[in-house]
Protein backbone atom coordinates (compact mmCIF):
# COMPACT_ATOMS: atom_id res chain seq x y z
CA UNK A 1 4.31 -61.29 -14.97
CA UNK A 2 6.09 -58.76 -13.40
CA UNK A 3 5.31 -59.54 -10.04
CA UNK A 4 6.27 -63.37 -10.54
CA UNK A 5 9.43 -62.42 -12.29
CA UNK A 6 9.87 -60.47 -8.84
CA UNK A 7 8.92 -63.05 -6.77
CA UNK A 8 11.46 -65.98 -8.31
CA UNK A 9 14.69 -65.53 -6.12
CA UNK A 10 12.37 -65.80 -2.85
CA UNK A 11 12.44 -69.25 -3.86
CA UNK A 12 16.11 -69.87 -3.95
CA UNK A 13 17.12 -67.85 -0.64
CA UNK A 14 16.45 -70.21 1.91
CA UNK A 15 18.39 -72.47 -0.26
CA UNK A 16 21.55 -70.72 -0.37
CA UNK A 17 21.47 -69.99 3.13
CA UNK A 18 20.76 -73.56 4.06
CA UNK A 19 23.81 -74.42 2.21
CA UNK A 20 25.79 -71.76 3.38
CA UNK A 21 25.04 -73.19 6.82
CA UNK A 22 25.00 -76.66 6.45
CA UNK A 23 27.02 -77.90 3.52
CA UNK A 24 31.27 -77.80 3.93
CA UNK A 25 33.14 -77.08 1.12
CA UNK A 26 34.57 -80.37 0.77
CA UNK A 27 31.16 -81.82 -0.38
CA UNK A 28 30.58 -78.47 -2.64
CA UNK A 29 33.82 -79.09 -4.43
CA UNK A 30 35.50 -75.43 -2.69
CA UNK A 31 34.05 -71.93 -1.71
CA UNK A 32 29.87 -71.96 -2.23
CA UNK A 33 30.20 -69.18 -4.76
CA UNK A 34 32.39 -71.56 -6.53
CA UNK A 35 30.00 -74.57 -6.74
CA UNK A 36 27.07 -72.40 -7.63
CA UNK A 37 29.28 -70.90 -10.43
CA UNK A 38 30.16 -74.49 -11.95
CA UNK A 39 26.90 -76.28 -11.50
CA UNK A 40 24.50 -73.45 -12.69
CA UNK A 41 26.89 -71.78 -15.52
CA UNK A 42 26.47 -68.48 -14.20
CA UNK A 43 29.19 -66.10 -13.91
CA UNK A 44 31.09 -65.87 -10.26
CA UNK A 45 29.97 -62.28 -9.97
CA UNK A 46 26.49 -63.34 -10.62
CA UNK A 47 27.04 -65.94 -7.99
CA UNK A 48 28.30 -64.05 -5.49
CA UNK A 49 25.52 -61.40 -5.36
CA UNK A 50 22.78 -64.06 -5.25
CA UNK A 51 24.58 -65.99 -2.23
CA UNK A 52 25.13 -61.88 -0.39
CA UNK A 53 21.01 -61.07 -1.21
CA UNK A 54 19.94 -64.34 0.34
CA UNK A 55 21.99 -63.43 3.03
CA UNK A 56 20.25 -60.34 3.48
CA UNK A 57 16.99 -61.03 2.31
CA UNK A 58 16.04 -64.68 3.27
CA UNK A 59 15.16 -66.63 6.61
CA UNK A 60 17.83 -66.78 8.89
CA UNK A 61 18.70 -69.05 12.44
CA UNK A 62 20.40 -68.43 15.62
CA UNK A 63 22.90 -69.84 17.25
CA UNK A 64 20.08 -72.58 19.12
CA UNK A 65 18.38 -73.00 15.44
CA UNK A 66 15.79 -70.46 16.59
CA UNK A 67 14.22 -68.59 13.52
CA UNK A 68 15.38 -65.34 12.30
CA UNK A 69 13.22 -62.34 10.45
CA UNK A 70 16.10 -61.70 7.36
CA UNK A 71 18.13 -58.89 7.76
CA UNK A 72 15.93 -56.67 5.83
CA UNK A 73 12.57 -57.66 6.91
CA UNK A 74 10.81 -54.59 5.54
CA UNK A 75 12.49 -55.63 1.86
CA UNK A 76 12.41 -59.25 1.80
CA UNK A 77 8.39 -59.35 2.84
CA UNK A 78 8.02 -56.44 -0.48
CA UNK A 79 9.76 -58.68 -2.88
CA UNK A 80 7.85 -61.72 -1.61
CA UNK A 81 4.18 -59.54 -2.53
CA UNK A 82 6.50 -59.49 -5.73
CA UNK A 83 6.37 -55.72 -4.91
CA UNK A 84 9.97 -55.03 -5.29
CA UNK A 85 12.11 -55.36 -8.87
CA UNK A 86 15.96 -56.35 -8.79
CA UNK A 87 16.61 -52.76 -8.97
CA UNK A 88 15.07 -51.75 -6.20
CA UNK A 89 15.97 -53.99 -3.83
CA UNK A 90 19.78 -53.57 -5.04
CA UNK A 91 19.33 -49.69 -4.27
CA UNK A 92 18.54 -50.57 -0.37
CA UNK A 93 20.95 -52.72 0.13
CA UNK A 94 23.40 -50.42 -1.15
CA UNK A 95 22.14 -48.07 1.12
CA UNK A 96 22.08 -50.23 4.13
CA UNK A 97 25.83 -51.47 3.68
CA UNK A 98 26.79 -48.51 3.60
CA UNK A 99 25.48 -46.42 6.68
CA UNK A 100 28.18 -45.84 9.35
CA UNK A 101 28.45 -48.27 12.14
CA UNK A 102 27.84 -46.34 14.86
CA UNK A 103 23.95 -45.82 13.89
CA UNK A 104 21.17 -47.46 15.81
CA UNK A 105 19.71 -50.84 14.80
CA UNK A 106 16.68 -49.26 15.71
CA UNK A 107 17.41 -46.36 12.91
CA UNK A 108 18.82 -48.76 10.08
CA UNK A 109 15.14 -51.06 10.71
CA UNK A 110 13.30 -47.39 10.50
CA UNK A 111 15.51 -46.17 7.40
CA UNK A 112 15.11 -49.76 5.94
CA UNK A 113 11.62 -49.49 6.03
CA UNK A 114 10.86 -46.45 4.64
CA UNK A 115 12.92 -47.58 1.86
CA UNK A 116 11.06 -50.27 1.18
CA UNK A 117 7.36 -48.59 0.80
CA UNK A 118 9.35 -45.76 -1.96
CA UNK A 119 10.52 -48.98 -3.44
CA UNK A 120 7.17 -49.83 -4.20
CA UNK A 121 5.99 -46.46 -5.06
CA UNK A 122 9.09 -45.89 -7.67
CA UNK A 123 11.85 -46.88 -9.69
CA UNK A 124 15.54 -47.59 -9.07
CA UNK A 125 16.98 -44.25 -10.14
CA UNK A 126 14.29 -42.16 -8.33
CA UNK A 127 14.64 -44.20 -5.25
CA UNK A 128 18.64 -43.93 -5.31
CA UNK A 129 17.70 -40.12 -4.68
CA UNK A 130 15.45 -40.79 -1.85
CA UNK A 131 18.14 -42.91 -0.02
CA UNK A 132 20.93 -39.81 -0.84
CA UNK A 133 17.91 -38.14 1.67
CA UNK A 134 17.50 -40.70 3.90
CA UNK A 135 21.71 -40.74 4.13
CA UNK A 136 22.02 -37.54 4.69
CA UNK A 137 19.54 -37.33 7.12
CA UNK A 138 21.00 -40.04 9.79
CA UNK A 139 24.98 -38.89 9.22
CA UNK A 140 24.20 -35.23 8.26
CA UNK A 141 28.27 -34.73 8.70
CA UNK A 142 29.20 -37.08 6.82
CA UNK A 143 31.10 -38.90 9.72
CA UNK A 144 32.68 -42.70 9.32
CA UNK A 145 34.96 -44.21 11.53
CA UNK A 146 38.04 -46.26 10.55
CA UNK A 147 35.80 -49.24 11.10
CA UNK A 148 33.51 -48.35 8.58
CA UNK A 149 36.28 -47.71 5.90
CA UNK A 150 37.76 -50.87 6.88
CA UNK A 151 34.77 -52.81 6.39
CA UNK A 152 34.32 -51.72 2.58
CA UNK A 153 37.73 -51.93 1.56
CA UNK A 154 39.02 -53.93 -1.38
CA UNK A 155 40.21 -54.44 -4.75
CA UNK A 156 39.50 -56.68 -7.03
CA UNK A 157 41.62 -58.00 -10.57
CA UNK A 158 38.87 -58.97 -12.81
CA UNK A 159 39.64 -61.59 -15.93
CA UNK A 160 42.06 -61.23 -18.26
CA UNK A 161 40.15 -59.90 -21.55
CA UNK A 162 41.10 -61.20 -24.95
CA UNK A 163 43.85 -58.63 -25.61
CA UNK A 164 45.44 -59.23 -22.00
CA UNK A 165 43.96 -56.66 -20.71
CA UNK A 166 42.44 -56.50 -17.43
CA UNK A 167 39.87 -54.30 -14.60
CA UNK A 168 41.03 -53.39 -11.77
CA UNK A 169 38.18 -51.63 -9.28
CA UNK A 170 37.27 -51.49 -5.52
CA UNK A 171 37.53 -49.03 -2.91
CA UNK A 172 40.72 -47.65 -1.17
CA UNK A 173 41.13 -46.31 2.41
CA UNK A 174 42.15 -42.42 2.68
CA UNK A 175 45.84 -44.01 3.77
CA UNK A 176 46.39 -45.70 0.67
CA UNK A 177 44.69 -43.03 -2.13
CA UNK A 178 47.25 -40.57 -0.15
CA UNK A 179 50.11 -43.00 -0.96
CA UNK A 180 49.19 -43.53 -4.51
CA UNK A 181 49.09 -39.43 -4.94
CA UNK A 182 52.49 -39.36 -3.66
CA UNK A 183 54.49 -42.06 -6.11
CA UNK A 184 51.91 -40.71 -8.90
CA UNK A 185 53.20 -37.38 -8.37
CA UNK A 186 56.71 -38.69 -8.55
CA UNK A 187 56.22 -41.42 -10.74
CA UNK A 188 53.48 -40.77 -12.85
CA UNK A 189 55.06 -37.26 -13.88
CA UNK A 190 55.23 -36.03 -17.45
CA UNK A 191 58.65 -38.00 -19.21
CA UNK A 192 58.24 -40.25 -15.84
CA UNK A 193 58.37 -44.40 -16.25
CA UNK A 194 57.55 -43.84 -19.99
CA UNK A 195 57.97 -47.22 -21.95
CA UNK A 196 57.69 -45.84 -25.04
CA UNK A 197 61.57 -44.14 -24.40
CA UNK A 198 64.68 -46.01 -25.23
CA UNK A 199 65.42 -45.41 -21.78
CA UNK A 200 62.95 -44.71 -19.83
CA UNK A 201 63.27 -42.32 -16.50
CA UNK A 202 62.74 -43.96 -13.58
CA UNK A 203 65.07 -42.03 -11.41
CA UNK A 204 65.68 -38.51 -11.09
CA UNK A 205 64.11 -35.63 -13.23
CA UNK A 206 63.35 -36.34 -16.72
CA UNK A 207 64.68 -34.27 -19.77
CA UNK A 208 63.09 -31.27 -21.25
CA UNK A 209 62.30 -33.56 -24.41
CA UNK A 210 61.19 -36.48 -22.50
CA UNK A 211 58.41 -34.53 -20.84
CA UNK A 212 57.55 -32.55 -24.50
CA UNK A 213 57.40 -36.16 -26.19
CA UNK A 214 55.49 -38.10 -23.71
CA UNK A 215 52.00 -38.23 -25.42
CA UNK A 216 50.04 -40.02 -22.28
CA UNK A 217 46.58 -39.33 -20.82
CA UNK A 218 47.07 -38.55 -16.65
CA UNK A 219 45.25 -42.20 -16.80
CA UNK A 220 48.08 -43.73 -18.24
CA UNK A 221 50.86 -42.13 -16.51
CA UNK A 222 48.72 -43.33 -13.23
CA UNK A 223 48.71 -46.87 -14.79
CA UNK A 224 52.57 -46.71 -16.02
CA UNK A 225 53.72 -44.99 -12.21
CA UNK A 226 52.24 -47.95 -10.11
CA UNK A 227 53.67 -50.35 -12.63
CA UNK A 228 57.02 -48.71 -11.97
CA UNK A 229 56.59 -49.04 -7.96
CA UNK A 230 55.35 -53.06 -8.20
CA UNK A 231 58.28 -53.40 -9.92
CA UNK A 232 60.45 -51.59 -7.80
CA UNK A 233 59.08 -53.72 -5.00
CA UNK A 234 59.62 -56.88 -6.27
CA UNK A 235 63.16 -55.71 -7.32
CA UNK A 236 64.04 -54.86 -4.11
CA UNK A 237 63.83 -58.46 -2.38
CA UNK A 238 62.52 -57.12 0.49
CA UNK A 239 58.84 -58.96 -0.08
CA UNK A 240 61.19 -62.11 1.29
CA UNK A 241 59.58 -65.67 0.61
CA UNK A 242 56.71 -67.00 -0.64
CA UNK A 243 56.21 -70.88 -0.65
CA UNK A 244 59.83 -70.94 -0.27
CA UNK A 245 60.42 -69.33 -3.17
CA UNK A 246 61.63 -65.35 -3.36
CA UNK A 247 58.61 -63.36 -4.19
CA UNK A 248 58.96 -62.64 -7.68
CA UNK A 249 57.03 -63.30 -11.09
CA UNK A 250 57.62 -66.88 -12.36
CA UNK A 251 57.09 -66.72 -16.65
CA UNK A 252 56.56 -70.54 -18.31
CA UNK A 253 56.94 -70.26 -22.68
CA UNK A 254 58.47 -72.46 -24.98
CA UNK A 255 61.84 -71.99 -26.35
CA UNK A 256 60.94 -71.54 -29.79
CA UNK A 257 58.60 -68.59 -28.98
CA UNK A 258 61.42 -67.63 -26.82
CA UNK A 259 63.63 -67.28 -29.71
CA UNK A 260 61.42 -66.17 -32.22
CA UNK A 261 59.69 -63.48 -29.77
CA UNK A 262 56.60 -63.90 -30.47
CA UNK A 263 53.55 -65.96 -29.18
CA UNK A 264 52.80 -65.98 -25.30
CA UNK A 265 54.13 -67.17 -21.73
CA UNK A 266 51.70 -67.98 -18.47
CA UNK A 267 53.14 -66.79 -15.65
CA UNK A 268 52.72 -68.66 -12.07
CA UNK A 269 49.51 -67.04 -11.10
CA UNK A 270 47.66 -68.06 -14.53
CA UNK A 271 47.97 -64.69 -16.18
CA UNK A 272 48.93 -64.92 -20.16
CA UNK A 273 51.62 -62.13 -21.30
CA UNK A 274 52.37 -61.62 -24.51
CA UNK A 275 56.34 -62.12 -25.36
CA UNK A 276 57.35 -58.55 -25.61
CA UNK A 277 56.47 -58.31 -22.67
CA UNK A 278 57.85 -60.67 -20.82
CA UNK A 279 61.33 -59.74 -22.65
CA UNK A 280 60.33 -56.38 -21.17
CA UNK A 281 59.98 -58.25 -17.77
CA UNK A 282 63.23 -59.97 -18.18
CA UNK A 283 65.45 -56.60 -18.35
CA UNK A 284 64.57 -56.10 -14.74
CA UNK A 285 65.07 -59.60 -13.59
CA UNK A 286 67.39 -62.14 -11.81
CA UNK A 287 66.90 -64.74 -14.61
CA UNK A 288 66.54 -68.42 -13.25
CA UNK A 289 66.68 -71.03 -16.47
CA UNK A 290 64.86 -73.77 -16.38
CA UNK A 291 64.60 -75.80 -19.99
CA UNK A 292 62.03 -78.81 -20.03
CA UNK A 293 62.30 -81.37 -22.72
CA UNK A 294 58.52 -81.50 -23.15
CA UNK A 295 57.73 -82.66 -19.85
CA UNK A 296 59.97 -84.99 -19.85
CA UNK A 297 62.98 -83.48 -17.71
């Protein structure tokens, strides 16, 4: 039963690769991940994972249409035989794509085949340790080029949760890390940019009372430092225009909710913002008020 379950993804790999190669976005009603999400009711994350896995493990075609083996040929063969589960496949794919660009194709192929063989004997956790050992053997000095780092960089803002919070995750290059550290050291210091203060300190040195009364964790101070830095960038006006309008936060709400200081508003980007935060945003904004009579004017 387990062997059959492991072989199920093999069926969809050629189908997904064929759609990615032949079906234009107009026919799909958007990108392939969007279409897959809409038609199968799976999450966008799961749709992207399946598409990327098919790209690595499914059959390919060259520029002239000739058939090519999968990128991870040994892993694909073991999955086809039902010898590799989803956990082992994920470990091997992560190992392969995190190798530096200067590692030769022959070395990559040999290492991937070794891991595929190990994956038929060990579970995902043990396989991770073996993958680390192979990584150290291929790249003992831990050397990565700028191109390697640029290839894996990325920041993703997750969906809003029921409480309005959103998960921010990603991999950042050393330059961005150093930049954030400098901003956090200033704006994320104890007593700085504390929204709980009557008059938050955003410039200069906070008072000793503000420092002593700051009960935020380091993570919370880092969050508030990022907010203050981005808010300052927006307020500076140096971002210019976007789609013909000044780069800014556009908020839509009702007059009743605004007067009652309760309820929620919707931004131009689709974010739901509590009215308390809308009012706080307004303190730092240049106001452009447009009133609509229930959509009539």
